[in-house]
């Protein structure tokens, strides 16, 4: 039975100082069709690809929430949770730093610090984070959905793809006739979901 507070998907959100920067990062990832693991925020530098389990209707007020000091933007790539699980992805283990050494070595990549005592507060549970402990995750249009803030940014995505196809066909015409070159033109391959989030005036 569907629940509003649960999701059957996971999203890898883009970061960046501005929406246009995050959009550029997403374009590169879609072109390469690979997410690369990072150990930048993980203790002991375990390389992981990170996701959020937040249901899409909750995203604008949750993971993508400027007022909540979120570092995420409303651009991302969505995957079926069962597919990520089959690749080895798991929810992080939110726990105090003092409990890290209690984890077996094979599970330490899942550790995420969590402290809500009187002395300090470290709480990122709102991210509902999952991790996949890999150097890279390859994907394609059959198992990924592109997340954009609104129809305007979806149009930007489609126009950028068409421009890239124009450039590719033009390059082929240097060695092939125009009819053959046009046969290499591809249609837009991605499924797209919009968050319904308006573009900030500064963008």
Protein backbone atom coordinates (compact mmCIF):
# COMPACT_ATOMS: atom_id res chain seq x y z
CA UNK A 1 0.00 0.00 0.00
CA UNK A 2 1.53 3.38 -1.02
CA UNK A 3 2.52 5.76 1.78
CA UNK A 4 3.18 9.50 1.49
CA UNK A 5 6.16 9.28 3.85
CA UNK A 6 7.87 6.41 2.00
CA UNK A 7 9.42 6.23 -1.46
CA UNK A 8 10.24 3.41 -3.86
CA UNK A 9 12.99 5.52 -5.40
CA UNK A 10 16.31 7.15 -4.50
CA UNK A 11 17.65 10.44 -5.87
CA UNK A 12 21.22 11.58 -6.34
CA UNK A 13 20.93 15.36 -6.04
CA UNK A 14 23.33 17.86 -7.62
CA UNK A 15 25.13 20.51 -5.62
CA UNK A 16 26.53 23.84 -6.74
CA UNK A 17 26.69 27.51 -5.77
CA UNK A 18 24.03 28.34 -8.38
CA UNK A 19 21.35 26.38 -10.18
CA UNK A 20 23.11 26.87 -13.51
CA UNK A 21 26.27 25.29 -12.07
CA UNK A 22 24.35 22.26 -10.80
CA UNK A 23 22.60 21.98 -14.16
CA UNK A 24 25.98 21.90 -15.89
CA UNK A 25 27.21 19.13 -13.60
CA UNK A 26 24.06 17.12 -14.33
CA UNK A 27 24.52 17.55 -18.09
CA UNK A 28 28.05 16.16 -17.85
CA UNK A 29 26.88 13.19 -15.80
CA UNK A 30 24.07 12.44 -18.26
CA UNK A 31 26.50 12.64 -21.17
CA UNK A 32 28.92 10.22 -19.48
CA UNK A 33 26.12 8.11 -17.98
CA UNK A 34 28.13 7.49 -14.84
CA UNK A 35 28.05 8.67 -11.21
CA UNK A 36 31.47 8.69 -9.58
CA UNK A 37 31.95 7.80 -5.94
CA UNK A 38 33.42 10.30 -3.51
CA UNK A 39 34.98 9.93 -0.08
CA UNK A 40 34.98 13.64 0.68
CA UNK A 41 32.37 13.55 3.46
CA UNK A 42 32.78 9.95 4.63
CA UNK A 43 34.92 9.03 7.61
CA UNK A 44 38.06 7.16 6.47
CA UNK A 45 37.34 8.30 2.90
CA UNK A 46 35.23 5.35 1.79
CA UNK A 47 34.26 6.09 -1.80
CA UNK A 48 30.48 6.07 -2.18
CA UNK A 49 27.71 7.33 -4.43
CA UNK A 50 25.06 8.99 -2.23
CA UNK A 51 21.29 9.22 -2.57
CA UNK A 52 18.26 10.56 -0.70
CA UNK A 53 15.21 8.43 0.00
CA UNK A 54 12.90 11.44 0.32
CA UNK A 55 9.58 11.09 -1.58
CA UNK A 56 9.46 13.59 -4.47
CA UNK A 57 6.49 15.59 -3.09
CA UNK A 58 8.52 16.18 0.09
CA UNK A 59 11.71 17.25 -1.70
CA UNK A 60 11.12 21.05 -2.01
CA UNK A 61 10.62 21.37 1.75
CA UNK A 62 13.16 18.70 2.63
CA UNK A 63 16.44 17.90 0.84
CA UNK A 64 16.00 20.91 -1.49
CA UNK A 65 15.24 23.63 1.01
CA UNK A 66 17.35 26.80 1.06
CA UNK A 67 15.82 27.86 4.39
CA UNK A 68 16.95 24.58 5.94
CA UNK A 69 20.61 25.13 4.98
CA UNK A 70 20.47 22.37 2.40
CA UNK A 71 23.40 22.14 0.00
CA UNK A 72 21.29 20.38 -2.63
CA UNK A 73 19.68 21.88 -5.72
CA UNK A 74 16.48 20.72 -7.46
CA UNK A 75 18.45 18.79 -10.10
CA UNK A 76 19.09 15.11 -9.76
CA UNK A 77 18.93 11.59 -11.12
CA UNK A 78 16.32 9.20 -9.77
CA UNK A 79 16.67 5.42 -9.56
CA UNK A 80 14.41 2.61 -8.45
CA UNK A 81 15.27 1.75 -4.85
CA UNK A 82 15.25 -1.99 -5.55
CA UNK A 83 17.74 -1.50 -8.39
CA UNK A 84 20.17 0.45 -6.18
CA UNK A 85 19.73 -2.18 -3.47
CA UNK A 86 20.61 -4.92 -5.98
CA UNK A 87 23.83 -3.02 -6.76
CA UNK A 88 24.76 -3.07 -3.05
CA UNK A 89 23.25 0.26 -1.94
CA UNK A 90 22.08 0.50 1.68
CA UNK A 91 20.71 3.14 4.09
CA UNK A 92 23.39 4.84 6.16
CA UNK A 93 23.65 4.04 9.87
CA UNK A 94 22.99 7.19 11.88
CA UNK A 95 24.91 6.87 15.14
CA UNK A 96 27.21 8.76 17.53
CA UNK A 97 30.84 9.06 16.53
CA UNK A 98 31.78 7.07 19.63
CA UNK A 99 30.00 4.02 18.19
CA UNK A 100 31.91 4.00 14.89
CA UNK A 101 34.49 1.48 16.13
CA UNK A 102 31.69 -0.90 17.11
CA UNK A 103 30.86 -1.43 13.44
CA UNK A 104 32.55 -4.30 11.57
CA UNK A 105 35.05 -3.05 8.99
CA UNK A 106 32.71 -4.21 6.20
CA UNK A 107 29.96 -1.82 7.37
CA UNK A 108 31.93 1.29 8.29
CA UNK A 109 31.25 2.94 4.93
CA UNK A 110 27.62 3.25 6.08
CA UNK A 111 28.43 5.28 9.22
CA UNK A 112 26.93 8.77 9.43
CA UNK A 113 27.53 10.82 12.53
CA UNK A 114 24.44 11.63 14.63
CA UNK A 115 24.54 13.52 17.93
CA UNK A 116 21.60 15.13 19.74
CA UNK A 117 23.02 15.45 23.24
CA UNK A 118 23.31 18.60 25.33
CA UNK A 119 26.93 19.25 24.29
CA UNK A 120 26.41 19.36 20.51
CA UNK A 121 23.94 18.58 17.78
CA UNK A 122 24.83 16.88 14.50
CA UNK A 123 21.68 15.75 12.72
CA UNK A 124 21.49 14.99 9.01
CA UNK A 125 18.69 12.45 9.30
CA UNK A 126 16.52 14.72 7.14
CA UNK A 127 18.67 13.66 4.17
CA UNK A 128 17.39 10.07 4.53
CA UNK A 129 20.69 9.06 3.01
CA UNK A 130 21.58 5.86 1.20
CA UNK A 131 25.07 5.00 -0.01
CA UNK A 132 26.52 2.68 -2.60
CA UNK A 133 30.14 1.75 -1.86
CA UNK A 134 31.62 1.86 -5.39
CA UNK A 135 34.07 3.93 -7.40
CA UNK A 136 31.41 4.53 -10.03
CA UNK A 137 27.82 3.64 -10.93
CA UNK A 138 26.97 3.33 -14.60
CA UNK A 139 23.37 3.89 -15.70
CA UNK A 140 21.29 4.48 -18.82
CA UNK A 141 17.84 5.80 -19.75
CA UNK A 142 16.25 2.44 -18.93
CA UNK A 143 17.00 2.74 -15.20
CA UNK A 144 17.25 6.48 -14.55
CA UNK A 145 14.89 9.48 -14.49
CA UNK A 146 16.14 13.07 -14.68
CA UNK A 147 14.86 15.46 -11.99
CA UNK A 148 14.48 19.16 -12.84
CA UNK A 149 12.82 22.03 -10.93
CA UNK A 150 10.20 22.95 -13.54
CA UNK A 151 9.18 22.99 -17.23
CA UNK A 152 11.59 25.84 -18.01
CA UNK A 153 14.61 23.77 -16.96
CA UNK A 154 13.30 20.70 -18.75
CA UNK A 155 13.25 22.80 -21.90
CA UNK A 156 16.84 23.91 -21.23
CA UNK A 157 17.80 20.25 -20.93
CA UNK A 158 16.12 19.29 -24.21
CA UNK A 159 17.55 22.26 -26.11
CA UNK A 160 21.06 21.50 -24.83
CA UNK A 161 20.69 17.89 -26.00
CA UNK A 162 19.46 19.00 -29.44
CA UNK A 163 22.38 21.43 -29.73
CA UNK A 164 24.80 18.61 -28.95
CA UNK A 165 23.15 16.45 -31.62
CA UNK A 166 23.44 19.30 -34.16
CA UNK A 167 27.15 19.54 -33.39
CA UNK A 168 27.60 15.77 -33.73
CA UNK A 169 25.79 15.61 -37.07
CA UNK A 170 27.81 18.58 -38.33
CA UNK A 171 31.01 16.77 -37.38
CA UNK A 172 29.94 13.67 -39.31
CA UNK A 173 29.32 15.76 -42.44
CA UNK A 174 33.08 16.36 -42.60
CA UNK A 175 33.53 12.71 -43.64
CA UNK A 176 30.03 11.56 -44.70
CA UNK A 177 27.27 12.97 -46.87
CA UNK A 178 24.49 14.88 -45.15
CA UNK A 179 21.85 12.12 -45.42
CA UNK A 180 24.11 9.54 -43.80
CA UNK A 181 25.19 12.03 -41.15
CA UNK A 182 21.57 12.73 -40.19
CA UNK A 183 21.09 9.00 -39.56
CA UNK A 184 23.35 9.39 -36.52
CA UNK A 185 21.02 11.94 -34.89
CA UNK A 186 19.50 10.56 -31.69
CA UNK A 187 16.21 11.39 -30.07
CA UNK A 188 16.05 12.72 -26.52
CA UNK A 189 16.41 9.51 -24.45
CA UNK A 190 15.59 10.54 -20.88
CA UNK A 191 12.42 10.39 -18.83
CA UNK A 192 12.01 13.63 -16.89
CA UNK A 193 10.20 14.47 -13.64
CA UNK A 194 9.57 18.05 -12.49
CA UNK A 195 9.54 19.16 -8.87
CA UNK A 196 7.35 22.18 -9.57
CA UNK A 197 9.85 24.50 -7.92
CA UNK A 198 10.00 28.07 -9.36
CA UNK A 199 13.29 29.47 -10.56
CA UNK A 200 14.76 32.01 -8.08
CA UNK A 201 14.88 35.59 -9.45
CA UNK A 202 18.69 35.64 -9.17
CA UNK A 203 18.97 32.72 -11.58
